[in-house]
């Protein structure tokens, strides 16, 4: 009887403080769960842990693509900001590739529409409490990846200081585009730089944005699922050919969607002039050339 009461008391005092993975690579997400903490902090960034329908509260901690490698302390915080528990996180190298894009001067000189940057900035900053997203996520089009997330960008052989903050997928003009997970449409706009753009809030810090569309199907305020069409593949804005560029944000930070779904790279030589992409530590020379569009946007990171 005493042992039973002891185990019962121990269970009552048990607390959940989990962070998975404990060794994330740059550009990925740590799932933080706790039945006591209401927020978590890592390297100066604080996120909310949202109550879930089942299990402990959940928060998504992004690890920026340019985060320095090494050990960090992740703190679980109570309502007052006091530390309830800490765990060690080790950020590891993602080994993102180097990628050169051949861009016509007329395209490279495109500037954002008035209000374009500010509108996307406000979208990224907005965090809503209701959760729409659910796993597994699915790619917006079936095409292979012509330009991966995280690649260090060069334009016509010159380093830009930017990285590719999204994914470029091949798609014939007019191919339907679907959201990667359910959410609410927040932006439907035609812009100079991003072209035809749809942005979706999936709740609790998860957001996506889809660029270069030829036409829209979704409307602002519409709740959508993965079966809905939000628009069609095009080559509007800063783009070198029909494709869909899309970015996944977690608490405002662009992250690698390859952590959440299977994305197939295009076979070498399948998109002209070459599919060669240099991996390992970026070096200006020699520079291979890829045909992914320069799709996106303001200085570092590059959408």
C-alpha atoms as a PDB file:
ATOM      1  CA  UNK A   1       0.000   0.000   0.000  1.00  0.00           C
ATOM      2  CA  UNK A   2       2.844   2.377   0.872  1.00  0.00           C
ATOM      3  CA  UNK A   3       4.543   1.673  -2.450  1.00  0.00           C
ATOM      4  CA  UNK A   4       1.283   2.327  -4.265  1.00  0.00           C
ATOM      5  CA  UNK A   5       0.868   5.674  -2.504  1.00  0.00           C
ATOM      6  CA  UNK A   6       4.500   6.540  -3.240  1.00  0.00           C
ATOM      7  CA  UNK A   7       4.112   5.773  -6.933  1.00  0.00           C
ATOM      8  CA  UNK A   8       0.849   7.720  -7.037  1.00  0.00           C
ATOM      9  CA  UNK A   9       2.531  10.729  -5.451  1.00  0.00           C
ATOM     10  CA  UNK A  10       5.502  10.451  -7.795  1.00  0.00           C
ATOM     11  CA  UNK A  11       3.188  10.384 -10.792  1.00  0.00           C
ATOM     12  CA  UNK A  12       1.360  13.442  -9.494  1.00  0.00           C
ATOM     13  CA  UNK A  13       4.639  15.346  -9.204  1.00  0.00           C
ATOM     14  CA  UNK A  14       6.007  14.156 -12.533  1.00  0.00           C
ATOM     15  CA  UNK A  15       6.632  16.997 -14.950  1.00  0.00           C
ATOM     16  CA  UNK A  16       7.117  16.967 -18.702  1.00  0.00           C
ATOM     17  CA  UNK A  17       9.997  18.978 -20.184  1.00  0.00           C
ATOM     18  CA  UNK A  18      10.863  17.632 -23.639  1.00  0.00           C
ATOM     19  CA  UNK A  19      12.776  19.098 -26.586  1.00  0.00           C
ATOM     20  CA  UNK A  20      13.073  17.033 -29.785  1.00  0.00           C
ATOM     21  CA  UNK A  21      15.547  16.841 -31.405  1.00  0.00           C
ATOM     22  CA  UNK A  22      18.241  17.806 -28.913  1.00  0.00           C
ATOM     23  CA  UNK A  23      20.758  18.006 -31.787  1.00  0.00           C
ATOM     24  CA  UNK A  24      18.984  19.983 -34.504  1.00  0.00           C
ATOM     25  CA  UNK A  25      20.678  21.101 -37.698  1.00  0.00           C
ATOM     26  CA  UNK A  26      20.589  24.705 -38.887  1.00  0.00           C
ATOM     27  CA  UNK A  27      17.225  25.668 -40.389  1.00  0.00           C
ATOM     28  CA  UNK A  28      15.173  23.028 -38.573  1.00  0.00           C
ATOM     29  CA  UNK A  29      12.614  23.070 -35.750  1.00  0.00           C
ATOM     30  CA  UNK A  30      12.691  21.789 -32.168  1.00  0.00           C
ATOM     31  CA  UNK A  31       9.355  20.528 -30.841  1.00  0.00           C
ATOM     32  CA  UNK A  32       9.144  21.729 -27.241  1.00  0.00           C
ATOM     33  CA  UNK A  33       6.544  20.133 -24.947  1.00  0.00           C
ATOM     34  CA  UNK A  34       5.703  20.644 -21.283  1.00  0.00           C
ATOM     35  CA  UNK A  35       2.823  20.242 -18.876  1.00  0.00           C
ATOM     36  CA  UNK A  36       4.119  23.074 -16.674  1.00  0.00           C
ATOM     37  CA  UNK A  37       5.920  25.646 -18.817  1.00  0.00           C
ATOM     38  CA  UNK A  38       4.029  28.251 -20.881  1.00  0.00           C
ATOM     39  CA  UNK A  39       6.986  29.362 -22.989  1.00  0.00           C
ATOM     40  CA  UNK A  40      10.535  28.421 -23.912  1.00  0.00           C
ATOM     41  CA  UNK A  41      13.694  30.406 -24.655  1.00  0.00           C
ATOM     42  CA  UNK A  42      16.730  29.560 -26.788  1.00  0.00           C
ATOM     43  CA  UNK A  43      19.579  31.958 -27.564  1.00  0.00           C
ATOM     44  CA  UNK A  44      17.422  35.032 -26.896  1.00  0.00           C
ATOM     45  CA  UNK A  45      14.341  33.796 -28.795  1.00  0.00           C
ATOM     46  CA  UNK A  46      11.181  33.073 -26.766  1.00  0.00           C
ATOM     47  CA  UNK A  47       8.233  31.075 -28.089  1.00  0.00           C
ATOM     48  CA  UNK A  48       4.793  30.290 -26.693  1.00  0.00           C
ATOM     49  CA  UNK A  49       3.798  26.751 -25.734  1.00  0.00           C
ATOM     50  CA  UNK A  50       0.170  26.322 -26.785  1.00  0.00           C
ATOM     51  CA  UNK A  51      -2.286  23.957 -25.055  1.00  0.00           C
ATOM     52  CA  UNK A  52      -3.181  20.968 -27.269  1.00  0.00           C
ATOM     53  CA  UNK A  53      -6.341  18.875 -27.477  1.00  0.00           C
ATOM     54  CA  UNK A  54      -4.333  15.929 -26.197  1.00  0.00           C
ATOM     55  CA  UNK A  55      -1.097  15.772 -24.243  1.00  0.00           C
ATOM     56  CA  UNK A  56       1.151  18.561 -22.944  1.00  0.00           C
ATOM     57  CA  UNK A  57       1.464  22.062 -24.361  1.00  0.00           C
ATOM     58  CA  UNK A  58       3.516  22.360 -27.554  1.00  0.00           C
ATOM     59  CA  UNK A  59       5.738  25.071 -28.966  1.00  0.00           C
ATOM     60  CA  UNK A  60       7.900  25.122 -32.090  1.00  0.00           C
ATOM     61  CA  UNK A  61      11.388  26.563 -31.647  1.00  0.00           C
ATOM     62  CA  UNK A  62      13.054  27.498 -34.967  1.00  0.00           C
ATOM     63  CA  UNK A  63      16.802  27.180 -35.354  1.00  0.00           C
ATOM     64  CA  UNK A  64      17.847  29.890 -37.856  1.00  0.00           C
ATOM     65  CA  UNK A  65      19.721  28.788 -40.963  1.00  0.00           C
ATOM     66  CA  UNK A  66      22.663  31.027 -40.060  1.00  0.00           C
ATOM     67  CA  UNK A  67      22.771  29.997 -36.381  1.00  0.00           C
ATOM     68  CA  UNK A  68      26.305  29.421 -35.149  1.00  0.00           C
ATOM     69  CA  UNK A  69      27.161  25.814 -34.444  1.00  0.00           C
ATOM     70  CA  UNK A  70      27.569  24.709 -30.846  1.00  0.00           C
ATOM     71  CA  UNK A  71      25.814  24.146 -27.542  1.00  0.00           C
ATOM     72  CA  UNK A  72      22.963  26.290 -26.265  1.00  0.00           C
ATOM     73  CA  UNK A  73      20.685  26.243 -23.235  1.00  0.00           C
ATOM     74  CA  UNK A  74      16.962  25.877 -23.818  1.00  0.00           C
ATOM     75  CA  UNK A  75      14.929  27.188 -20.874  1.00  0.00           C
ATOM     76  CA  UNK A  76      11.361  26.198 -20.011  1.00  0.00           C
ATOM     77  CA  UNK A  77       9.600  29.229 -18.484  1.00  0.00           C
ATOM     78  CA  UNK A  78       6.554  29.760 -16.269  1.00  0.00           C
ATOM     79  CA  UNK A  79       4.036  32.583 -16.547  1.00  0.00           C
ATOM     80  CA  UNK A  80       6.345  35.002 -14.729  1.00  0.00           C
ATOM     81  CA  UNK A  81       9.319  34.154 -16.951  1.00  0.00           C
ATOM     82  CA  UNK A  82      11.085  32.141 -14.254  1.00  0.00           C
ATOM     83  CA  UNK A  83      13.090  29.120 -15.408  1.00  0.00           C
ATOM     84  CA  UNK A  84      11.444  25.829 -14.469  1.00  0.00           C
ATOM     85  CA  UNK A  85      13.862  23.547 -16.261  1.00  0.00           C
ATOM     86  CA  UNK A  86      16.754  23.736 -18.719  1.00  0.00           C
ATOM     87  CA  UNK A  87      18.158  21.321 -21.264  1.00  0.00           C
ATOM     88  CA  UNK A  88      21.188  21.420 -23.542  1.00  0.00           C
ATOM     89  CA  UNK A  89      20.712  21.831 -27.292  1.00  0.00           C
ATOM     90  CA  UNK A  90      23.530  21.251 -29.782  1.00  0.00           C
ATOM     91  CA  UNK A  91      23.144  22.975 -33.160  1.00  0.00           C
ATOM     92  CA  UNK A  92      24.814  20.957 -35.925  1.00  0.00           C
ATOM     93  CA  UNK A  93      25.867  21.868 -39.461  1.00  0.00           C
ATOM     94  CA  UNK A  94      23.210  21.350 -42.140  1.00  0.00           C
ATOM     95  CA  UNK A  95      25.781  21.480 -44.975  1.00  0.00           C
ATOM     96  CA  UNK A  96      23.574  23.520 -47.265  1.00  0.00           C
ATOM     97  CA  UNK A  97      24.893  23.835 -50.835  1.00  0.00           C
ATOM     98  CA  UNK A  98      26.291  26.710 -52.833  1.00  0.00           C
ATOM     99  CA  UNK A  99      24.160  27.685 -55.818  1.00  0.00           C
ATOM    100  CA  UNK A 100      24.658  30.093 -58.703  1.00  0.00           C
ATOM    101  CA  UNK A 101      21.728  31.548 -60.636  1.00  0.00           C
ATOM    102  CA  UNK A 102      21.925  33.035 -64.113  1.00  0.00           C
ATOM    103  CA  UNK A 103      19.621  36.061 -64.073  1.00  0.00           C
ATOM    104  CA  UNK A 104      18.833  38.555 -66.821  1.00  0.00           C
ATOM    105  CA  UNK A 105      19.515  42.175 -65.779  1.00  0.00           C
ATOM    106  CA  UNK A 106      15.885  43.114 -66.370  1.00  0.00           C
ATOM    107  CA  UNK A 107      14.785  40.502 -63.811  1.00  0.00           C
ATOM    108  CA  UNK A 108      17.505  41.153 -61.239  1.00  0.00           C
ATOM    109  CA  UNK A 109      16.612  44.872 -61.160  1.00  0.00           C
ATOM    110  CA  UNK A 110      12.975  44.277 -60.134  1.00  0.00           C
ATOM    111  CA  UNK A 111      12.001  46.152 -56.971  1.00  0.00           C
ATOM    112  CA  UNK A 112       9.202  45.349 -54.502  1.00  0.00           C
ATOM    113  CA  UNK A 113       5.776  46.891 -54.953  1.00  0.00           C
ATOM    114  CA  UNK A 114       4.848  49.648 -52.469  1.00  0.00           C
ATOM    115  CA  UNK A 115       3.944  47.929 -49.198  1.00  0.00           C
ATOM    116  CA  UNK A 116       5.052  44.483 -50.396  1.00  0.00           C
ATOM    117  CA  UNK A 117       7.847  44.025 -47.867  1.00  0.00           C
ATOM    118  CA  UNK A 118       5.875  45.518 -44.982  1.00  0.00           C
ATOM    119  CA  UNK A 119       2.843  43.311 -45.644  1.00  0.00           C
ATOM    120  CA  UNK A 120       4.925  40.140 -45.633  1.00  0.00           C
ATOM    121  CA  UNK A 121       6.751  41.349 -42.530  1.00  0.00           C
ATOM    122  CA  UNK A 122       3.494  41.813 -40.631  1.00  0.00           C
ATOM    123  CA  UNK A 123       2.311  38.395 -41.789  1.00  0.00           C
ATOM    124  CA  UNK A 124       5.462  36.732 -40.451  1.00  0.00           C
ATOM    125  CA  UNK A 125       5.179  38.498 -37.100  1.00  0.00           C
ATOM    126  CA  UNK A 126       1.556  37.497 -36.466  1.00  0.00           C
ATOM    127  CA  UNK A 127       1.166  34.411 -34.246  1.00  0.00           C
ATOM    128  CA  UNK A 128      -2.339  33.017 -33.754  1.00  0.00           C
ATOM    129  CA  UNK A 129      -3.366  30.644 -30.959  1.00  0.00           C
ATOM    130  CA  UNK A 130      -5.714  28.371 -32.908  1.00  0.00           C
ATOM    131  CA  UNK A 131      -4.057  25.359 -34.496  1.00  0.00           C
ATOM    132  CA  UNK A 132      -5.068  24.346 -38.013  1.00  0.00           C
ATOM    133  CA  UNK A 133      -1.925  22.473 -39.077  1.00  0.00           C
ATOM    134  CA  UNK A 134      -1.663  18.741 -38.792  1.00  0.00           C
ATOM    135  CA  UNK A 135       0.875  16.189 -39.856  1.00  0.00           C
ATOM    136  CA  UNK A 136       1.889  14.810 -42.241  1.00  0.00           C
ATOM    137  CA  UNK A 137       2.469  17.859 -44.434  1.00  0.00           C
ATOM    138  CA  UNK A 138       2.334  17.457 -48.220  1.00  0.00           C
ATOM    139  CA  UNK A 139       4.217  19.292 -50.983  1.00  0.00           C
ATOM    140  CA  UNK A 140       2.113  21.933 -52.806  1.00  0.00           C
ATOM    141  CA  UNK A 141       2.848  20.447 -56.260  1.00  0.00           C
ATOM    142  CA  UNK A 142       4.187  17.028 -57.314  1.00  0.00           C
ATOM    143  CA  UNK A 143       7.234  18.421 -59.148  1.00  0.00           C
ATOM    144  CA  UNK A 144      10.829  17.770 -58.125  1.00  0.00           C
ATOM    145  CA  UNK A 145      12.955  20.381 -56.323  1.00  0.00           C
ATOM    146  CA  UNK A 146      15.030  22.555 -58.662  1.00  0.00           C
ATOM    147  CA  UNK A 147      16.464  24.744 -55.877  1.00  0.00           C
ATOM    148  CA  UNK A 148      16.675  23.566 -52.260  1.00  0.00           C
ATOM    149  CA  UNK A 149      16.170  25.409 -49.000  1.00  0.00           C
ATOM    150  CA  UNK A 150      19.203  26.965 -47.366  1.00  0.00           C
ATOM    151  CA  UNK A 151      21.545  27.181 -50.343  1.00  0.00           C
ATOM    152  CA  UNK A 152      24.040  30.046 -50.338  1.00  0.00           C
ATOM    153  CA  UNK A 153      23.100  32.229 -53.288  1.00  0.00           C
ATOM    154  CA  UNK A 154      25.219  33.695 -56.070  1.00  0.00           C
ATOM    155  CA  UNK A 155      23.767  35.750 -58.918  1.00  0.00           C
ATOM    156  CA  UNK A 156      25.712  35.451 -62.161  1.00  0.00           C
ATOM    157  CA  UNK A 157      28.733  34.188 -60.221  1.00  0.00           C
ATOM    158  CA  UNK A 158      28.702  36.908 -57.558  1.00  0.00           C
ATOM    159  CA  UNK A 159      28.014  36.162 -53.899  1.00  0.00           C
ATOM    160  CA  UNK A 160      24.877  37.928 -52.675  1.00  0.00           C
ATOM    161  CA  UNK A 161      25.273  37.355 -48.940  1.00  0.00           C
ATOM    162  CA  UNK A 162      21.833  35.722 -48.985  1.00  0.00           C
ATOM    163  CA  UNK A 163      20.528  32.208 -48.636  1.00  0.00           C
ATOM    164  CA  UNK A 164      17.494  30.607 -50.271  1.00  0.00           C
ATOM    165  CA  UNK A 165      14.775  30.811 -47.642  1.00  0.00           C
ATOM    166  CA  UNK A 166      12.351  28.540 -49.483  1.00  0.00           C
ATOM    167  CA  UNK A 167      12.026  25.693 -51.957  1.00  0.00           C
ATOM    168  CA  UNK A 168      11.604  25.900 -55.737  1.00  0.00           C
ATOM    169  CA  UNK A 169       9.587  23.069 -57.249  1.00  0.00           C
ATOM    170  CA  UNK A 170       9.176  22.316 -60.922  1.00  0.00           C
ATOM    171  CA  UNK A 171       5.683  22.750 -62.310  1.00  0.00           C
ATOM    172  CA  UNK A 172       4.197  23.334 -65.735  1.00  0.00           C
ATOM    173  CA  UNK A 173       2.379  26.636 -66.176  1.00  0.00           C
ATOM    174  CA  UNK A 174      -1.161  26.288 -64.872  1.00  0.00           C
ATOM    175  CA  UNK A 175      -0.450  23.387 -62.482  1.00  0.00           C
ATOM    176  CA  UNK A 176      -2.741  23.634 -59.402  1.00  0.00           C
ATOM    177  CA  UNK A 177      -1.034  24.611 -56.144  1.00  0.00           C
ATOM    178  CA  UNK A 178      -2.296  23.254 -52.809  1.00  0.00           C
ATOM    179  CA  UNK A 179      -1.511  24.318 -49.224  1.00  0.00           C
ATOM    180  CA  UNK A 180       0.889  21.964 -47.447  1.00  0.00           C
ATOM    181  CA  UNK A 181      -1.469  21.700 -44.445  1.00  0.00           C
ATOM    182  CA  UNK A 182      -4.810  23.305 -43.443  1.00  0.00           C
ATOM    183  CA  UNK A 183      -4.946  26.991 -42.567  1.00  0.00           C
ATOM    184  CA  UNK A 184      -6.479  30.413 -43.178  1.00  0.00           C
ATOM    185  CA  UNK A 185      -5.527  32.517 -46.211  1.00  0.00           C
ATOM    186  CA  UNK A 186      -4.124  35.879 -45.108  1.00  0.00           C
ATOM    187  CA  UNK A 187      -2.626  37.349 -48.300  1.00  0.00           C
ATOM    188  CA  UNK A 188      -3.691  37.174 -51.941  1.00  0.00           C
ATOM    189  CA  UNK A 189      -1.721  39.769 -53.899  1.00  0.00           C
ATOM    190  CA  UNK A 190      -0.017  40.470 -57.234  1.00  0.00           C
ATOM    191  CA  UNK A 191       3.363  42.056 -56.533  1.00  0.00           C
ATOM    192  CA  UNK A 192       6.376  43.148 -58.560  1.00  0.00           C
ATOM    193  CA  UNK A 193       8.979  41.025 -56.790  1.00  0.00           C
ATOM    194  CA  UNK A 194       7.108  37.959 -55.584  1.00  0.00           C
ATOM    195  CA  UNK A 195       4.558  37.991 -58.397  1.00  0.00           C
ATOM    196  CA  UNK A 196       1.237  36.312 -57.672  1.00  0.00           C
ATOM    197  CA  UNK A 197       1.403  35.544 -53.949  1.00  0.00           C
ATOM    198  CA  UNK A 198      -0.742  33.598 -51.491  1.00  0.00           C
ATOM    199  CA  UNK A 199       0.163  33.428 -47.784  1.00  0.00           C
ATOM    200  CA  UNK A 200      -1.488  31.085 -45.278  1.00  0.00           C
ATOM    201  CA  UNK A 201      -1.559  31.048 -41.472  1.00  0.00           C
ATOM    202  CA  UNK A 202      -1.651  27.467 -40.193  1.00  0.00           C
ATOM    203  CA  UNK A 203      -1.812  28.518 -36.549  1.00  0.00           C
ATOM    204  CA  UNK A 204       0.454  28.371 -33.491  1.00  0.00           C
ATOM    205  CA  UNK A 205       3.426  29.851 -35.337  1.00  0.00           C
ATOM    206  CA  UNK A 206       3.304  27.858 -38.596  1.00  0.00           C
ATOM    207  CA  UNK A 207       2.897  29.857 -41.830  1.00  0.00           C
ATOM    208  CA  UNK A 208       3.574  29.371 -45.541  1.00  0.00           C
ATOM    209  CA  UNK A 209       3.824  31.668 -48.556  1.00  0.00           C
ATOM    210  CA  UNK A 210       3.628  30.691 -52.246  1.00  0.00           C
ATOM    211  CA  UNK A 211       5.004  32.899 -55.037  1.00  0.00           C
ATOM    212  CA  UNK A 212       5.003  33.530 -58.817  1.00  0.00           C
ATOM    213  CA  UNK A 213       1.420  32.339 -59.413  1.00  0.00           C
ATOM    214  CA  UNK A 214      -0.238  32.985 -62.756  1.00  0.00           C
ATOM    215  CA  UNK A 215      -3.735  33.134 -61.222  1.00  0.00           C
ATOM    216  CA  UNK A 216      -5.471  32.813 -57.852  1.00  0.00           C
ATOM    217  CA  UNK A 217      -8.164  30.457 -56.632  1.00  0.00           C
ATOM    218  CA  UNK A 218      -8.133  31.337 -52.931  1.00  0.00           C
ATOM    219  CA  UNK A 219      -9.516  34.455 -51.259  1.00  0.00           C
ATOM    220  CA  UNK A 220      -8.300  36.284 -48.168  1.00  0.00           C
ATOM    221  CA  UNK A 221     -10.033  34.976 -45.043  1.00  0.00           C
ATOM    222  CA  UNK A 222     -10.824  31.605 -46.616  1.00  0.00           C
ATOM    223  CA  UNK A 223     -10.132  28.489 -44.563  1.00  0.00           C
ATOM    224  CA  UNK A 224      -8.399  25.908 -46.748  1.00  0.00           C
ATOM    225  CA  UNK A 225      -7.337  22.272 -46.573  1.00  0.00           C
ATOM    226  CA  UNK A 226      -4.756  20.319 -48.553  1.00  0.00           C
ATOM    227  CA  UNK A 227      -7.418  19.325 -51.079  1.00  0.00           C
ATOM    228  CA  UNK A 228      -8.143  22.957 -51.988  1.00  0.00           C
ATOM    229  CA  UNK A 229      -6.472  24.773 -54.888  1.00  0.00           C
ATOM    230  CA  UNK A 230      -5.095  28.170 -53.859  1.00  0.00           C
ATOM    231  CA  UNK A 231      -3.651  29.188 -57.233  1.00  0.00           C
ATOM    232  CA  UNK A 232      -1.744  28.065 -60.314  1.00  0.00           C
ATOM    233  CA  UNK A 233       1.926  27.770 -61.250  1.00  0.00           C
ATOM    234  CA  UNK A 234       3.275  30.727 -63.185  1.00  0.00           C
ATOM    235  CA  UNK A 235       6.381  32.836 -63.708  1.00  0.00           C
ATOM    236  CA  UNK A 236       5.327  36.231 -62.391  1.00  0.00           C
ATOM    237  CA  UNK A 237       7.595  38.566 -60.444  1.00  0.00           C
ATOM    238  CA  UNK A 238      11.317  37.814 -60.150  1.00  0.00           C
ATOM    239  CA  UNK A 239      11.266  34.431 -61.852  1.00  0.00           C
ATOM    240  CA  UNK A 240      13.126  32.800 -64.733  1.00  0.00           C
ATOM    241  CA  UNK A 241      10.436  30.266 -65.690  1.00  0.00           C
ATOM    242  CA  UNK A 242       7.259  28.503 -64.505  1.00  0.00           C
ATOM    243  CA  UNK A 243       7.659  26.950 -61.042  1.00  0.00           C
ATOM    244  CA  UNK A 244       6.384  27.390 -57.510  1.00  0.00           C
ATOM    245  CA  UNK A 245       8.588  28.951 -54.877  1.00  0.00           C
ATOM    246  CA  UNK A 246       7.292  28.499 -51.349  1.00  0.00           C
ATOM    247  CA  UNK A 247       8.573  29.203 -47.876  1.00  0.00           C
ATOM    248  CA  UNK A 248       7.611  27.683 -44.539  1.00  0.00           C
ATOM    249  CA  UNK A 249       7.911  29.940 -41.488  1.00  0.00           C
ATOM    250  CA  UNK A 250       7.913  28.843 -37.865  1.00  0.00           C
ATOM    251  CA  UNK A 251       7.456  31.705 -35.422  1.00  0.00           C
ATOM    252  CA  UNK A 252       8.556  34.100 -38.151  1.00  0.00           C
ATOM    253  CA  UNK A 253      11.745  32.236 -39.125  1.00  0.00           C
ATOM    254  CA  UNK A 254      12.130  30.464 -42.496  1.00  0.00           C
ATOM    255  CA  UNK A 255      12.788  26.762 -41.888  1.00  0.00           C
ATOM    256  CA  UNK A 256      13.594  23.687 -43.944  1.00  0.00           C
ATOM    257  CA  UNK A 257      10.324  21.975 -44.949  1.00  0.00           C
ATOM    258  CA  UNK A 258      12.325  18.826 -45.693  1.00  0.00           C
ATOM    259  CA  UNK A 259      12.079  18.110 -41.948  1.00  0.00           C
ATOM    260  CA  UNK A 260       8.295  17.822 -42.341  1.00  0.00           C
ATOM    261  CA  UNK A 261       7.826  16.073 -45.686  1.00  0.00           C
ATOM    262  CA  UNK A 262       9.564  14.167 -48.452  1.00  0.00           C
ATOM    263  CA  UNK A 263      10.873  16.438 -51.214  1.00  0.00           C
ATOM    264  CA  UNK A 264      12.550  14.834 -54.206  1.00  0.00           C
ATOM    265  CA  UNK A 265      15.425  16.705 -55.901  1.00  0.00           C
ATOM    266  CA  UNK A 266      15.421  16.830 -59.678  1.00  0.00           C
ATOM    267  CA  UNK A 267      17.820  14.406 -61.305  1.00  0.00           C
ATOM    268  CA  UNK A 268      21.194  15.795 -62.330  1.00  0.00           C
ATOM    269  CA  UNK A 269      21.012  17.277 -65.802  1.00  0.00           C
ATOM    270  CA  UNK A 270      17.207  17.383 -65.800  1.00  0.00           C
ATOM    271  CA  UNK A 271      16.973  21.166 -65.831  1.00  0.00           C
ATOM    272  CA  UNK A 272      19.199  23.270 -68.103  1.00  0.00           C
ATOM    273  CA  UNK A 273      21.884  24.455 -68.258  1.00  0.00           C
ATOM    274  CA  UNK A 274      23.065  22.103 -65.503  1.00  0.00           C
ATOM    275  CA  UNK A 275      21.794  20.771 -62.231  1.00  0.00           C
ATOM    276  CA  UNK A 276      25.187  20.948 -60.619  1.00  0.00           C
ATOM    277  CA  UNK A 277      25.199  22.400 -57.132  1.00  0.00           C
ATOM    278  CA  UNK A 278      28.372  22.620 -55.089  1.00  0.00           C
ATOM    279  CA  UNK A 279      28.035  21.195 -51.581  1.00  0.00           C
ATOM    280  CA  UNK A 280      30.157  21.659 -48.478  1.00  0.00           C
ATOM    281  CA  UNK A 281      31.752  24.950 -47.472  1.00  0.00           C
ATOM    282  CA  UNK A 282      30.696  27.691 -49.924  1.00  0.00           C
ATOM    283  CA  UNK A 283      33.508  29.009 -52.120  1.00  0.00           C
ATOM    284  CA  UNK A 284      33.120  31.611 -54.865  1.00  0.00           C
ATOM    285  CA  UNK A 285      35.070  29.561 -57.448  1.00  0.00           C
ATOM    286  CA  UNK A 286      34.525  27.274 -59.223  1.00  0.00           C
ATOM    287  CA  UNK A 287      30.840  28.128 -59.505  1.00  0.00           C
ATOM    288  CA  UNK A 288      28.260  25.673 -60.910  1.00  0.00           C
ATOM    289  CA  UNK A 289      25.035  26.971 -62.379  1.00  0.00           C
ATOM    290  CA  UNK A 290      21.486  25.959 -61.508  1.00  0.00           C
ATOM    291  CA  UNK A 291      18.249  27.127 -63.055  1.00  0.00           C
ATOM    292  CA  UNK A 292      16.132  27.603 -59.985  1.00  0.00           C
ATOM    293  CA  UNK A 293      14.525  31.017 -59.999  1.00  0.00           C
ATOM    294  CA  UNK A 294      15.882  33.734 -57.772  1.00  0.00           C
ATOM    295  CA  UNK A 295      12.427  33.704 -56.427  1.00  0.00           C
ATOM    296  CA  UNK A 296      11.999  35.931 -53.574  1.00  0.00           C
ATOM    297  CA  UNK A 297      13.081  38.666 -51.962  1.00  0.00           C
ATOM    298  CA  UNK A 298      14.606  41.035 -49.615  1.00  0.00           C
ATOM    299  CA  UNK A 299      18.228  40.942 -48.590  1.00  0.00           C
ATOM    300  CA  UNK A 300      19.179  37.923 -46.492  1.00  0.00           C
ATOM    301  CA  UNK A 301      17.378  35.667 -46.318  1.00  0.00           C
ATOM    302  CA  UNK A 302      16.235  35.340 -49.889  1.00  0.00           C
ATOM    303  CA  UNK A 303      12.766  33.938 -50.501  1.00  0.00           C
END
